[in-house]
Amino acid sequence: MTSSSWNAGALRESSSLRNRRRSFFSGSSILTATRTCTRIRQHPAKMIIYKDIFSGDELFSDTYKINVIDDFIYEVEGKITTEKGGIDESVIGANASAEEAGEGLEEGAKTGCNIVLANRLNSITGYTKDDYKTYIKSYQKRILTWLQKNNPDRVAGFQAAAGPGMKKILKNFKNWEFFRGEKMDEDGMVALMDYREDGETPYMWFFKDGLEEEKV
């Protein structure tokens, strides 16, 4: 093979190698960009915390099943769980023996509605119907004042929904259990809890207009 033939062949091989390298790095860049976009798309959505507009207490989140009733009430469905050592066993699975479960209760485990336990809601006892009527009259006035200042477009809707909503609450009064937020702020909301017809599934009612949303 002559020198000129060898040089020509080497140049062709070098050119081919450069082209393959360009193709490889171009493909790598596309793959990297694709992976980056995939990571962005897979970023988890934010959770919504519902907080009392007066006390700032966290009352529940959108991790529960939520229904809106009469544009006035958020109905939040929970379940009965046991917190052992500050951990909700329903999250990790409860496989302990009855003896172990008994030991857990002796150590201060708490059993109750997961909404109540997770948000440190406090039970209110000794609430008569007259007590509740006095409270709700004052509370609705505070809600109305707050809306007039912060969300005036909602005032008419709130006033229209309040009547039918309160009738449903008072009709079921004997079955309700009452709860306040962690701070027990007397200006805050009194949430209501009852059970489904199965007697085992708890649900809670919160006043829609007494809440503000926070994404975390």
C-alpha atoms as a PDB file:
ATOM      1  CA  MET A   1       0.000   0.000   0.000  1.00  0.00           C
ATOM      2  CA  THR A   2       1.374   3.414  -0.942  1.00  0.00           C
ATOM      3  CA  SER A   3       1.758   6.219   1.572  1.00  0.00           C
ATOM      4  CA  SER A   4      -0.921   8.307  -0.126  1.00  0.00           C
ATOM      5  CA  SER A   5      -3.402   5.389  -0.061  1.00  0.00           C
ATOM      6  CA  TRP A   6      -2.729   4.780   3.635  1.00  0.00           C
ATOM      7  CA  ASN A   7      -3.207   8.480   4.497  1.00  0.00           C
ATOM      8  CA  ALA A   8      -6.486   8.605   2.589  1.00  0.00           C
ATOM      9  CA  GLY A   9      -7.763   5.517   4.408  1.00  0.00           C
ATOM     10  CA  ALA A  10      -6.744   6.921   7.781  1.00  0.00           C
ATOM     11  CA  LEU A  11      -8.530  10.186   7.049  1.00  0.00           C
ATOM     12  CA  ARG A  12     -11.711   8.323   6.093  1.00  0.00           C
ATOM     13  CA  GLU A  13     -11.526   6.251   9.305  1.00  0.00           C
ATOM     14  CA  SER A  14     -10.903   9.365  11.428  1.00  0.00           C
ATOM     15  CA  SER A  15     -13.849  11.160   9.824  1.00  0.00           C
ATOM     16  CA  SER A  16     -16.098   8.146  10.430  1.00  0.00           C
ATOM     17  CA  LEU A  17     -15.016   7.961  14.080  1.00  0.00           C
ATOM     18  CA  ARG A  18     -15.749  11.667  14.600  1.00  0.00           C
ATOM     19  CA  ASN A  19     -19.227  11.207  13.124  1.00  0.00           C
ATOM     20  CA  ARG A  20     -19.953   8.277  15.436  1.00  0.00           C
ATOM     21  CA  ARG A  21     -18.796  10.337  18.428  1.00  0.00           C
ATOM     22  CA  ARG A  22     -21.059  13.235  17.413  1.00  0.00           C
ATOM     23  CA  SER A  23     -23.972  10.819  17.098  1.00  0.00           C
ATOM     24  CA  PHE A  24     -23.225   9.244  20.489  1.00  0.00           C
ATOM     25  CA  PHE A  25     -22.947  12.534  22.387  1.00  0.00           C
ATOM     26  CA  SER A  26     -25.997  13.944  20.628  1.00  0.00           C
ATOM     27  CA  GLY A  27     -27.970  10.874  21.664  1.00  0.00           C
ATOM     28  CA  SER A  28     -26.662  11.152  25.232  1.00  0.00           C
ATOM     29  CA  SER A  29     -27.792  14.785  25.397  1.00  0.00           C
ATOM     30  CA  ILE A  30     -31.272  13.819  24.223  1.00  0.00           C
ATOM     31  CA  LEU A  31     -31.404  10.982  26.759  1.00  0.00           C
ATOM     32  CA  THR A  32     -30.275  13.300  29.563  1.00  0.00           C
ATOM     33  CA  ALA A  33     -32.862  15.926  28.599  1.00  0.00           C
ATOM     34  CA  THR A  34     -35.571  13.256  28.444  1.00  0.00           C
ATOM     35  CA  ARG A  35     -34.669  11.976  31.899  1.00  0.00           C
ATOM     36  CA  THR A  36     -34.703  15.528  33.291  1.00  0.00           C
ATOM     37  CA  CYS A  37     -38.169  16.175  31.849  1.00  0.00           C
ATOM     38  CA  THR A  38     -39.377  12.860  33.259  1.00  0.00           C
ATOM     39  CA  ARG A  39     -38.132  13.813  36.729  1.00  0.00           C
ATOM     40  CA  ILE A  40     -39.965  17.144  36.495  1.00  0.00           C
ATOM     41  CA  ARG A  41     -43.203  15.461  35.435  1.00  0.00           C
ATOM     42  CA  GLN A  42     -42.926  12.936  38.252  1.00  0.00           C
ATOM     43  CA  HIS A  43     -42.507  15.601  40.970  1.00  0.00           C
ATOM     44  CA  PRO A  44     -45.195  14.845  43.575  1.00  0.00           C
ATOM     45  CA  ALA A  45     -48.206  17.148  43.838  1.00  0.00           C
ATOM     46  CA  LYS A  46     -48.467  19.367  46.912  1.00  0.00           C
ATOM     47  CA  MET A  47     -50.738  18.422  49.802  1.00  0.00           C
ATOM     48  CA  ILE A  48     -53.442  20.856  50.906  1.00  0.00           C
ATOM     49  CA  ILE A  49     -53.836  21.599  54.612  1.00  0.00           C
ATOM     50  CA  TYR A  50     -57.156  23.078  55.757  1.00  0.00           C
ATOM     51  CA  LYS A  51     -56.648  25.535  58.613  1.00  0.00           C
ATOM     52  CA  ASP A  52     -58.994  27.426  60.918  1.00  0.00           C
ATOM     53  CA  ILE A  53     -59.133  31.048  59.732  1.00  0.00           C
ATOM     54  CA  PHE A  54     -59.339  32.357  63.300  1.00  0.00           C
ATOM     55  CA  SER A  55     -57.004  30.122  65.307  1.00  0.00           C
ATOM     56  CA  GLY A  56     -54.649  28.963  62.562  1.00  0.00           C
ATOM     57  CA  ASP A  57     -55.029  25.360  63.773  1.00  0.00           C
ATOM     58  CA  GLU A  58     -54.639  22.599  61.202  1.00  0.00           C
ATOM     59  CA  LEU A  59     -57.943  20.706  61.110  1.00  0.00           C
ATOM     60  CA  PHE A  60     -57.532  18.210  58.242  1.00  0.00           C
ATOM     61  CA  SER A  61     -55.865  17.715  54.858  1.00  0.00           C
ATOM     62  CA  ASP A  62     -56.784  16.514  51.380  1.00  0.00           C
ATOM     63  CA  THR A  63     -55.371  13.070  52.170  1.00  0.00           C
ATOM     64  CA  TYR A  64     -58.865  12.148  53.396  1.00  0.00           C
ATOM     65  CA  LYS A  65     -62.026  11.574  51.368  1.00  0.00           C
ATOM     66  CA  ILE A  66     -63.819  14.948  51.234  1.00  0.00           C
ATOM     67  CA  ASN A  67     -67.333  15.846  50.069  1.00  0.00           C
ATOM     68  CA  VAL A  68     -68.968  19.280  49.941  1.00  0.00           C
ATOM     69  CA  ILE A  69     -72.499  19.464  51.366  1.00  0.00           C
ATOM     70  CA  ASP A  70     -74.830  22.323  50.382  1.00  0.00           C
ATOM     71  CA  ASP A  71     -71.864  24.604  49.614  1.00  0.00           C
ATOM     72  CA  PHE A  72     -71.591  25.007  53.395  1.00  0.00           C
ATOM     73  CA  ILE A  73     -69.967  21.916  54.919  1.00  0.00           C
ATOM     74  CA  TYR A  74     -66.849  19.892  54.176  1.00  0.00           C
ATOM     75  CA  GLU A  75     -67.625  16.299  55.101  1.00  0.00           C
ATOM     76  CA  VAL A  76     -64.377  14.426  55.790  1.00  0.00           C
ATOM     77  CA  GLU A  77     -64.413  10.649  56.166  1.00  0.00           C
ATOM     78  CA  GLY A  78     -61.989   9.011  58.574  1.00  0.00           C
ATOM     79  CA  LYS A  79     -61.405   5.652  60.211  1.00  0.00           C
ATOM     80  CA  ILE A  80     -60.674   4.305  63.668  1.00  0.00           C
ATOM     81  CA  THR A  81     -56.952   3.775  64.177  1.00  0.00           C
ATOM     82  CA  THR A  82     -54.463   3.280  66.984  1.00  0.00           C
ATOM     83  CA  GLU A  83     -51.448   5.494  67.501  1.00  0.00           C
ATOM     84  CA  LYS A  84     -48.689   3.589  69.263  1.00  0.00           C
ATOM     85  CA  GLY A  85     -45.743   5.656  70.419  1.00  0.00           C
ATOM     86  CA  GLY A  86     -46.910   8.543  68.236  1.00  0.00           C
ATOM     87  CA  ILE A  87     -47.140   6.340  65.108  1.00  0.00           C
ATOM     88  CA  ASP A  88     -50.430   5.508  63.403  1.00  0.00           C
ATOM     89  CA  GLU A  89     -50.407   1.691  63.120  1.00  0.00           C
ATOM     90  CA  SER A  90     -52.784   1.801  60.164  1.00  0.00           C
ATOM     91  CA  VAL A  91     -49.918   3.259  58.134  1.00  0.00           C
ATOM     92  CA  ILE A  92     -47.399   0.495  58.884  1.00  0.00           C
ATOM     93  CA  GLY A  93     -49.844  -2.374  59.357  1.00  0.00           C
ATOM     94  CA  ALA A  94     -51.009  -3.831  62.648  1.00  0.00           C
ATOM     95  CA  ASN A  95     -49.671  -7.385  62.942  1.00  0.00           C
ATOM     96  CA  ALA A  96     -48.933  -7.395  66.633  1.00  0.00           C
ATOM     97  CA  SER A  97     -50.409 -10.101  68.841  1.00  0.00           C
ATOM     98  CA  ALA A  98     -53.187  -9.273  71.269  1.00  0.00           C
ATOM     99  CA  GLU A  99     -50.621  -9.379  74.070  1.00  0.00           C
ATOM    100  CA  GLU A 100     -48.362  -6.887  72.265  1.00  0.00           C
ATOM    101  CA  ALA A 101     -51.345  -4.661  71.507  1.00  0.00           C
ATOM    102  CA  GLY A 102     -52.251  -4.672  75.195  1.00  0.00           C
ATOM    103  CA  GLU A 103     -48.715  -3.683  76.105  1.00  0.00           C
ATOM    104  CA  GLY A 104     -48.908  -0.830  73.600  1.00  0.00           C
ATOM    105  CA  LEU A 105     -52.056   0.532  75.185  1.00  0.00           C
ATOM    106  CA  GLU A 106     -50.412   0.406  78.605  1.00  0.00           C
ATOM    107  CA  GLU A 107     -47.591   2.516  77.190  1.00  0.00           C
ATOM    108  CA  GLY A 108     -50.007   5.274  76.232  1.00  0.00           C
ATOM    109  CA  ALA A 109     -51.302   4.216  72.809  1.00  0.00           C
ATOM    110  CA  LYS A 110     -54.341   6.158  71.620  1.00  0.00           C
ATOM    111  CA  THR A 111     -57.287   4.765  69.678  1.00  0.00           C
ATOM    112  CA  GLY A 112     -59.747   7.021  67.883  1.00  0.00           C
ATOM    113  CA  CYS A 113     -60.666   8.761  64.649  1.00  0.00           C
ATOM    114  CA  ASN A 114     -57.537   9.294  62.551  1.00  0.00           C
ATOM    115  CA  ILE A 115     -58.585  12.865  61.697  1.00  0.00           C
ATOM    116  CA  VAL A 116     -58.764  13.732  65.388  1.00  0.00           C
ATOM    117  CA  LEU A 117     -55.494  12.012  66.294  1.00  0.00           C
ATOM    118  CA  ALA A 118     -53.457  13.304  63.349  1.00  0.00           C
ATOM    119  CA  ASN A 119     -54.506  16.927  63.852  1.00  0.00           C
ATOM    120  CA  ARG A 120     -54.555  16.903  67.678  1.00  0.00           C
ATOM    121  CA  LEU A 121     -58.194  17.930  67.879  1.00  0.00           C
ATOM    122  CA  ASN A 122     -59.651  18.277  71.366  1.00  0.00           C
ATOM    123  CA  SER A 123     -62.980  16.834  72.433  1.00  0.00           C
ATOM    124  CA  ILE A 124     -65.581  19.160  73.949  1.00  0.00           C
ATOM    125  CA  THR A 125     -68.026  17.553  76.373  1.00  0.00           C
ATOM    126  CA  GLY A 126     -71.161  18.772  78.121  1.00  0.00           C
ATOM    127  CA  TYR A 127     -72.344  20.773  75.104  1.00  0.00           C
ATOM    128  CA  THR A 128     -76.133  21.316  75.204  1.00  0.00           C
ATOM    129  CA  LYS A 129     -78.224  22.312  72.214  1.00  0.00           C
ATOM    130  CA  ASP A 130     -78.719  25.784  73.688  1.00  0.00           C
ATOM    131  CA  ASP A 131     -74.952  26.097  74.227  1.00  0.00           C
ATOM    132  CA  TYR A 132     -74.359  25.201  70.608  1.00  0.00           C
ATOM    133  CA  LYS A 133     -76.967  27.650  69.308  1.00  0.00           C
ATOM    134  CA  THR A 134     -75.337  30.457  71.299  1.00  0.00           C
ATOM    135  CA  TYR A 135     -71.920  29.525  69.937  1.00  0.00           C
ATOM    136  CA  ILE A 136     -72.988  29.130  66.310  1.00  0.00           C
ATOM    137  CA  LYS A 137     -74.804  32.467  66.256  1.00  0.00           C
ATOM    138  CA  SER A 138     -71.638  34.262  67.365  1.00  0.00           C
ATOM    139  CA  TYR A 139     -69.417  32.152  65.100  1.00  0.00           C
ATOM    140  CA  GLN A 140     -71.462  32.872  61.988  1.00  0.00           C
ATOM    141  CA  LYS A 141     -71.277  36.590  62.698  1.00  0.00           C
ATOM    142  CA  ARG A 142     -67.481  36.341  62.844  1.00  0.00           C
ATOM    143  CA  ILE A 143     -67.459  34.372  59.586  1.00  0.00           C
ATOM    144  CA  LEU A 144     -69.630  36.986  57.893  1.00  0.00           C
ATOM    145  CA  THR A 145     -67.385  39.834  59.074  1.00  0.00           C
ATOM    146  CA  TRP A 146     -64.300  37.944  57.879  1.00  0.00           C
ATOM    147  CA  LEU A 147     -65.840  37.313  54.457  1.00  0.00           C
ATOM    148  CA  GLN A 148     -66.907  40.934  54.032  1.00  0.00           C
ATOM    149  CA  LYS A 149     -63.296  41.959  54.525  1.00  0.00           C
ATOM    150  CA  ASN A 150     -61.428  39.123  52.813  1.00  0.00           C
ATOM    151  CA  ASN A 151     -63.815  37.531  50.305  1.00  0.00           C
ATOM    152  CA  PRO A 152     -66.823  39.799  49.648  1.00  0.00           C
ATOM    153  CA  ASP A 153     -67.900  37.814  46.580  1.00  0.00           C
ATOM    154  CA  ARG A 154     -68.653  34.866  48.859  1.00  0.00           C
ATOM    155  CA  VAL A 155     -70.943  36.741  51.285  1.00  0.00           C
ATOM    156  CA  ALA A 156     -74.192  36.105  49.395  1.00  0.00           C
ATOM    157  CA  GLY A 157     -73.362  32.431  48.898  1.00  0.00           C
ATOM    158  CA  PHE A 158     -72.577  31.985  52.575  1.00  0.00           C
ATOM    159  CA  GLN A 159     -75.803  33.639  53.683  1.00  0.00           C
ATOM    160  CA  ALA A 160     -77.856  31.491  51.298  1.00  0.00           C
ATOM    161  CA  ALA A 161     -76.187  28.250  52.394  1.00  0.00           C
ATOM    162  CA  ALA A 162     -76.152  28.863  56.149  1.00  0.00           C
ATOM    163  CA  GLY A 163     -79.879  28.287  56.758  1.00  0.00           C
ATOM    164  CA  PRO A 164     -80.225  24.834  55.121  1.00  0.00           C
ATOM    165  CA  GLY A 165     -76.839  23.769  56.471  1.00  0.00           C
ATOM    166  CA  MET A 166     -77.689  24.623  60.066  1.00  0.00           C
ATOM    167  CA  LYS A 167     -81.019  22.783  59.845  1.00  0.00           C
ATOM    168  CA  LYS A 168     -79.155  19.575  58.999  1.00  0.00           C
ATOM    169  CA  ILE A 169     -76.730  20.087  61.866  1.00  0.00           C
ATOM    170  CA  LEU A 170     -79.424  20.743  64.471  1.00  0.00           C
ATOM    171  CA  LYS A 171     -81.572  17.857  63.217  1.00  0.00           C
ATOM    172  CA  ASN A 172     -78.737  15.448  64.027  1.00  0.00           C
ATOM    173  CA  PHE A 173     -77.642  17.238  67.194  1.00  0.00           C
ATOM    174  CA  LYS A 174     -78.020  14.300  69.610  1.00  0.00           C
ATOM    175  CA  ASN A 175     -75.515  12.239  67.602  1.00  0.00           C
ATOM    176  CA  TRP A 176     -72.718  14.781  67.244  1.00  0.00           C
ATOM    177  CA  GLU A 177     -69.421  14.769  69.090  1.00  0.00           C
ATOM    178  CA  PHE A 178     -67.713  18.166  69.262  1.00  0.00           C
ATOM    179  CA  PHE A 179     -64.068  19.097  68.692  1.00  0.00           C
ATOM    180  CA  ARG A 180     -61.874  22.189  68.670  1.00  0.00           C
ATOM    181  CA  GLY A 181     -58.420  22.678  67.207  1.00  0.00           C
ATOM    182  CA  GLU A 182     -55.174  22.068  69.042  1.00  0.00           C
ATOM    183  CA  LYS A 183     -55.078  25.528  70.667  1.00  0.00           C
ATOM    184  CA  MET A 184     -58.662  25.256  71.962  1.00  0.00           C
ATOM    185  CA  ASP A 185     -59.229  28.829  70.777  1.00  0.00           C
ATOM    186  CA  GLU A 186     -62.777  29.854  71.728  1.00  0.00           C
ATOM    187  CA  ASP A 187     -63.032  31.973  68.582  1.00  0.00           C
ATOM    188  CA  GLY A 188     -62.192  28.968  66.429  1.00  0.00           C
ATOM    189  CA  MET A 189     -64.379  26.397  64.753  1.00  0.00           C
ATOM    190  CA  VAL A 190     -66.223  23.647  66.584  1.00  0.00           C
ATOM    191  CA  ALA A 191     -66.049  20.612  64.296  1.00  0.00           C
ATOM    192  CA  LEU A 192     -68.640  17.842  64.440  1.00  0.00           C
ATOM    193  CA  MET A 193     -68.212  14.067  64.318  1.00  0.00           C
ATOM    194  CA  ASP A 194     -70.683  11.207  63.849  1.00  0.00           C
ATOM    195  CA  TYR A 195     -70.579   7.642  62.489  1.00  0.00           C
ATOM    196  CA  ARG A 196     -71.948   6.033  59.345  1.00  0.00           C
ATOM    197  CA  GLU A 197     -74.794   3.537  59.575  1.00  0.00           C
ATOM    198  CA  ASP A 198     -72.264   0.745  60.131  1.00  0.00           C
ATOM    199  CA  GLY A 199     -71.464   2.351  63.487  1.00  0.00           C
ATOM    200  CA  GLU A 200     -67.742   2.018  62.787  1.00  0.00           C
ATOM    201  CA  THR A 201     -66.807   4.611  60.158  1.00  0.00           C
ATOM    202  CA  PRO A 202     -66.382   8.132  61.569  1.00  0.00           C
ATOM    203  CA  TYR A 203     -66.933  11.271  59.540  1.00  0.00           C
ATOM    204  CA  MET A 204     -66.511  14.916  60.462  1.00  0.00           C
ATOM    205  CA  TRP A 205     -68.199  18.144  59.398  1.00  0.00           C
ATOM    206  CA  PHE A 206     -66.245  21.393  59.083  1.00  0.00           C
ATOM    207  CA  PHE A 207     -67.616  24.783  58.076  1.00  0.00           C
ATOM    208  CA  LYS A 208     -66.348  25.503  54.574  1.00  0.00           C
ATOM    209  CA  ASP A 209     -66.130  29.262  55.091  1.00  0.00           C
ATOM    210  CA  GLY A 210     -64.210  28.895  58.341  1.00  0.00           C
ATOM    211  CA  LEU A 211     -61.245  27.345  56.555  1.00  0.00           C
ATOM    212  CA  GLU A 212     -58.289  28.500  54.528  1.00  0.00           C
ATOM    213  CA  GLU A 213     -56.112  26.300  52.336  1.00  0.00           C
ATOM    214  CA  GLU A 214     -52.352  26.009  52.565  1.00  0.00           C
ATOM    215  CA  LYS A 215     -50.288  23.995  50.074  1.00  0.00           C
ATOM    216  CA  VAL A 216     -47.281  22.236  51.575  1.00  0.00           C
END
